[in-house]
């Protein structure tokens, strides 16, 4: 059965920068479904573990996403199952990579799946984030699997203080660990025209509050927004910036 063409379009852009690090360990991709219009998968991985171990882990996440999404049938398969399979298979492959090398590869994972009915499913592990904006207003974002987020949740630390906490990069869950990580899954019933989704690593979101992100995404097309966010993050890092990456999608009307 053929799917009807959607009455909207998904404008998308990715961005990536090495920052001030010696190696690039982020990977990001937005994949349009090969057969279904209006269906795409955004995936981002922030690798960790030695100069090449982190990149191998991030590469494994994106490769697994490509392979699974190519076979995915939105009409017959559960989107949540696809995302959970992505997390479990990437986790397993990263652990196998660790066995065959002397490195300890790990990675975060954020992935969002937009379907032709404009519903959205997302999943994350670690401290890379997804934000959902309606116009310039943040509707929802992922909650980091990190030590400082746990302190924030317990009321022991403010969001502002978390940004400068000395253990802000300590994760409580990521891919490639001995213990299988438990991903967090979210569902958005319907994205409106004018809505934006952005997946980004901590090398980017660390330098912006939600109001700033929402204003940029609302006022600029995706490519220009991606370029501006990377430029501003680099300025605000003052020569100490981490790898940074983003995957941005905006719902636009065809009318």
Protein backbone atom coordinates (compact mmCIF):
# COMPACT_ATOMS: atom_id res chain seq x y z
CA UNK A 1 0.00 0.00 0.00
CA UNK A 2 1.44 3.37 -0.97
CA UNK A 3 1.56 6.20 1.57
CA UNK A 4 -0.13 9.54 0.77
CA UNK A 5 2.23 12.44 0.27
CA UNK A 6 2.44 14.65 3.38
CA UNK A 7 1.16 18.24 3.24
CA UNK A 8 4.29 19.54 4.94
CA UNK A 9 8.03 19.40 4.42
CA UNK A 10 10.87 18.77 6.80
CA UNK A 11 13.69 21.28 6.39
CA UNK A 12 16.84 19.90 7.96
CA UNK A 13 20.48 20.64 8.60
CA UNK A 14 23.37 19.12 10.50
CA UNK A 15 26.47 20.80 11.86
CA UNK A 16 29.70 19.52 13.37
CA UNK A 17 32.94 21.12 14.60
CA UNK A 18 36.03 19.72 16.30
CA UNK A 19 36.09 22.61 18.75
CA UNK A 20 39.44 23.00 20.46
CA UNK A 21 40.05 19.26 20.84
CA UNK A 22 42.76 17.35 18.98
CA UNK A 23 40.27 14.75 17.71
CA UNK A 24 36.69 14.73 16.46
CA UNK A 25 34.65 12.15 18.39
CA UNK A 26 31.12 13.38 17.59
CA UNK A 27 29.08 11.94 14.75
CA UNK A 28 25.74 13.21 13.47
CA UNK A 29 23.39 12.39 10.62
CA UNK A 30 19.84 13.05 9.42
CA UNK A 31 18.56 10.19 7.28
CA UNK A 32 15.54 10.52 4.99
CA UNK A 33 13.58 7.29 4.67
CA UNK A 34 14.40 5.68 1.31
CA UNK A 35 10.75 4.91 0.49
CA UNK A 36 8.42 6.98 2.72
CA UNK A 37 8.07 10.77 2.18
CA UNK A 38 7.88 12.80 5.39
CA UNK A 39 9.76 10.20 7.42
CA UNK A 40 13.25 10.79 8.76
CA UNK A 41 15.64 9.79 11.51
CA UNK A 42 18.02 12.19 13.22
CA UNK A 43 20.85 10.57 15.18
CA UNK A 44 23.77 12.03 17.12
CA UNK A 45 26.56 10.35 19.09
CA UNK A 46 29.22 11.91 21.32
CA UNK A 47 32.02 9.36 21.56
CA UNK A 48 34.39 8.88 24.50
CA UNK A 49 37.42 6.72 25.13
CA UNK A 50 40.84 7.56 23.77
CA UNK A 51 41.85 9.39 20.63
CA UNK A 52 40.20 6.88 18.28
CA UNK A 53 38.02 4.84 20.64
CA UNK A 54 35.38 7.53 20.97
CA UNK A 55 35.17 8.06 17.23
CA UNK A 56 34.80 4.32 16.64
CA UNK A 57 31.92 4.23 19.13
CA UNK A 58 30.18 7.20 17.52
CA UNK A 59 30.70 5.74 14.04
CA UNK A 60 29.11 2.50 15.22
CA UNK A 61 26.00 4.35 16.42
CA UNK A 62 25.46 6.07 13.08
CA UNK A 63 26.19 2.93 11.05
CA UNK A 64 23.70 0.93 13.12
CA UNK A 65 21.08 3.67 12.64
CA UNK A 66 21.57 3.66 8.86
CA UNK A 67 21.21 -0.11 8.61
CA UNK A 68 18.10 -0.34 10.80
CA UNK A 69 16.30 2.65 9.30
CA UNK A 70 16.80 1.43 5.75
CA UNK A 71 14.79 -1.69 6.62
CA UNK A 72 12.20 0.10 8.78
CA UNK A 73 8.57 0.04 7.61
CA UNK A 74 6.52 2.76 9.41
CA UNK A 75 3.24 1.14 8.38
CA UNK A 76 4.06 -2.25 9.90
CA UNK A 77 6.62 -1.71 12.66
CA UNK A 78 6.62 -0.01 16.04
CA UNK A 79 8.77 3.17 16.05
CA UNK A 80 9.65 2.67 19.71
CA UNK A 81 10.97 -0.80 18.91
CA UNK A 82 13.18 0.66 16.19
CA UNK A 83 14.76 3.19 18.57
CA UNK A 84 15.24 0.63 21.32
CA UNK A 85 16.83 -1.76 18.82
CA UNK A 86 19.17 1.03 17.72
CA UNK A 87 20.26 1.57 21.32
CA UNK A 88 20.74 -2.13 22.12
CA UNK A 89 22.54 -3.05 18.89
CA UNK A 90 24.85 -0.03 18.99
CA UNK A 91 25.64 -0.80 22.64
CA UNK A 92 26.51 -4.40 21.75
CA UNK A 93 28.68 -3.42 18.78
CA UNK A 94 30.61 -0.88 20.87
CA UNK A 95 31.25 -3.55 23.51
CA UNK A 96 32.51 -5.93 20.80
CA UNK A 97 34.82 -3.20 19.52
CA UNK A 98 36.26 -2.84 23.01
CA UNK A 99 37.07 -6.55 23.13
CA UNK A 100 39.07 -6.38 19.91
CA UNK A 101 41.06 -3.27 20.87
CA UNK A 102 42.88 -1.91 23.89
CA UNK A 103 40.56 1.08 24.02
CA UNK A 104 37.43 1.64 26.08
CA UNK A 105 34.95 3.11 23.59
CA UNK A 106 31.73 4.66 24.88
CA UNK A 107 29.14 6.97 23.38
CA UNK A 108 26.04 8.96 24.12
CA UNK A 109 23.02 8.50 21.86
CA UNK A 110 20.14 10.77 20.91
CA UNK A 111 17.77 9.85 18.11
CA UNK A 112 14.45 11.26 16.95
CA UNK A 113 12.11 9.67 14.43
CA UNK A 114 9.54 11.82 12.58
CA UNK A 115 6.71 9.97 10.82
CA UNK A 116 4.46 11.09 7.93
CA UNK A 117 1.58 11.80 10.37
CA UNK A 118 3.96 14.30 12.06
CA UNK A 119 4.21 12.24 15.23
CA UNK A 120 7.68 12.10 16.75
CA UNK A 121 9.42 9.46 18.83
CA UNK A 122 12.74 10.05 20.51
CA UNK A 123 15.22 8.19 22.69
CA UNK A 124 18.39 9.18 24.51
CA UNK A 125 21.23 7.80 26.61
CA UNK A 126 23.83 10.10 28.19
CA UNK A 127 24.07 13.89 28.16
CA UNK A 128 23.53 14.71 24.51
CA UNK A 129 20.13 16.40 24.25
CA UNK A 130 17.01 16.79 22.15
CA UNK A 131 14.92 19.97 22.40
CA UNK A 132 11.42 20.45 20.97
CA UNK A 133 10.42 24.05 20.23
CA UNK A 134 7.04 25.41 19.15
CA UNK A 135 7.91 28.68 17.52
CA UNK A 136 10.50 30.14 19.89
CA UNK A 137 9.12 28.38 22.99
CA UNK A 138 10.61 25.20 24.40
CA UNK A 139 7.99 22.49 24.84
CA UNK A 140 10.21 19.67 26.10
CA UNK A 141 13.79 18.51 26.33
CA UNK A 142 15.61 15.36 27.38
CA UNK A 143 16.94 15.10 30.93
CA UNK A 144 20.63 14.19 31.02
CA UNK A 145 21.78 10.85 32.36
CA UNK A 146 24.49 12.57 34.38
CA UNK A 147 25.66 12.99 37.95
CA UNK A 148 24.84 16.71 38.04
CA UNK A 149 21.35 16.17 36.57
CA UNK A 150 20.72 13.74 39.40
CA UNK A 151 21.75 16.45 41.87
CA UNK A 152 19.41 18.92 40.12
CA UNK A 153 16.54 16.41 40.26
CA UNK A 154 17.16 15.94 43.98
CA UNK A 155 17.09 19.71 44.58
CA UNK A 156 20.76 19.80 45.63
CA UNK A 157 21.95 21.88 42.66
CA UNK A 158 20.49 24.55 40.40
CA UNK A 159 20.47 24.28 36.60
CA UNK A 160 22.86 27.25 36.45
CA UNK A 161 25.29 25.76 38.98
CA UNK A 162 25.24 22.45 37.11
CA UNK A 163 26.87 24.09 34.09
CA UNK A 164 30.04 24.90 36.02
CA UNK A 165 30.11 21.91 38.39
CA UNK A 166 33.54 20.18 38.30
CA UNK A 167 31.86 16.82 37.64
CA UNK A 168 29.46 18.08 34.98
CA UNK A 169 30.81 15.58 32.43
CA UNK A 170 30.30 12.51 34.66
CA UNK A 171 27.65 10.27 33.08
CA UNK A 172 25.51 7.71 34.88
CA UNK A 173 24.56 5.97 31.60
CA UNK A 174 26.07 5.64 28.13
CA UNK A 175 26.61 3.05 25.41
CA UNK A 176 29.47 0.55 25.75
CA UNK A 177 29.44 0.15 29.53
CA UNK A 178 29.57 -3.20 31.33
CA UNK A 179 26.05 -2.69 32.63
CA UNK A 180 23.40 -2.33 29.92
CA UNK A 181 22.13 1.27 29.90
CA UNK A 182 18.42 2.00 30.22
CA UNK A 183 17.37 4.54 27.56
CA UNK A 184 14.72 7.19 28.10
CA UNK A 185 11.92 7.24 25.53
CA UNK A 186 9.52 10.10 24.72
CA UNK A 187 6.62 10.61 22.32
CA UNK A 188 5.16 13.77 20.73
CA UNK A 189 1.69 13.18 19.32
CA UNK A 190 1.95 15.72 16.52
CA UNK A 191 4.49 18.31 15.46
CA UNK A 192 2.90 21.57 14.32
CA UNK A 193 4.03 23.62 11.34
CA UNK A 194 6.70 25.92 12.78
CA UNK A 195 7.95 23.33 15.30
CA UNK A 196 11.66 22.55 15.50
CA UNK A 197 13.66 19.64 16.86
CA UNK A 198 17.33 19.93 17.65
CA UNK A 199 19.63 17.13 18.81
CA UNK A 200 22.97 18.41 20.09
CA UNK A 201 26.01 17.30 22.04
CA UNK A 202 27.08 18.99 25.27
CA UNK A 203 29.76 20.86 23.34
CA UNK A 204 26.91 22.91 21.89
CA UNK A 205 24.05 23.06 24.42
CA UNK A 206 26.42 24.00 27.24
CA UNK A 207 26.65 27.53 25.81
CA UNK A 208 22.95 28.33 25.34
CA UNK A 209 19.83 28.62 27.42
CA UNK A 210 16.53 27.38 25.93
CA UNK A 211 15.33 30.91 25.17
CA UNK A 212 18.39 31.59 23.02
CA UNK A 213 18.10 28.30 21.19
CA UNK A 214 14.40 28.82 20.53
CA UNK A 215 14.90 32.34 19.20
CA UNK A 216 17.59 31.22 16.73
CA UNK A 217 15.63 28.19 15.51
CA UNK A 218 12.43 30.17 15.08
CA UNK A 219 13.95 33.13 13.26
CA UNK A 220 16.36 31.42 10.84
CA UNK A 221 16.20 28.58 8.30
CA UNK A 222 17.87 25.37 9.56
CA UNK A 223 21.19 25.78 7.75
CA UNK A 224 21.66 29.38 8.86
CA UNK A 225 20.56 28.49 12.40
CA UNK A 226 23.11 25.65 12.55
CA UNK A 227 25.91 27.91 11.34
CA UNK A 228 25.04 30.66 13.82
CA UNK A 229 24.82 28.27 16.79
CA UNK A 230 28.20 26.75 16.03
CA UNK A 231 29.75 30.19 15.56
CA UNK A 232 28.34 31.47 18.87
CA UNK A 233 29.34 28.31 20.75
CA UNK A 234 32.90 28.67 19.46
CA UNK A 235 33.01 32.31 20.57
CA UNK A 236 31.67 31.51 24.02
CA UNK A 237 34.09 28.61 24.52
CA UNK A 238 37.06 31.04 24.55
CA UNK A 239 39.46 28.44 23.20
CA UNK A 240 38.41 25.60 25.51
CA UNK A 241 35.53 24.13 23.51
CA UNK A 242 34.66 20.45 23.20
CA UNK A 243 33.63 18.70 19.97
CA UNK A 244 30.16 19.95 19.06
CA UNK A 245 27.44 18.72 16.77
CA UNK A 246 23.76 19.23 16.04
CA UNK A 247 20.92 17.80 13.94
CA UNK A 248 18.11 20.28 13.30
CA UNK A 249 14.69 19.71 11.71
CA UNK A 250 11.93 22.27 11.18
CA UNK A 251 8.37 21.52 10.06
CA UNK A 252 7.32 23.80 7.22
CA UNK A 253 4.02 24.13 5.36
CA UNK A 254 3.79 23.24 1.68
CA UNK A 255 0.91 25.69 1.26
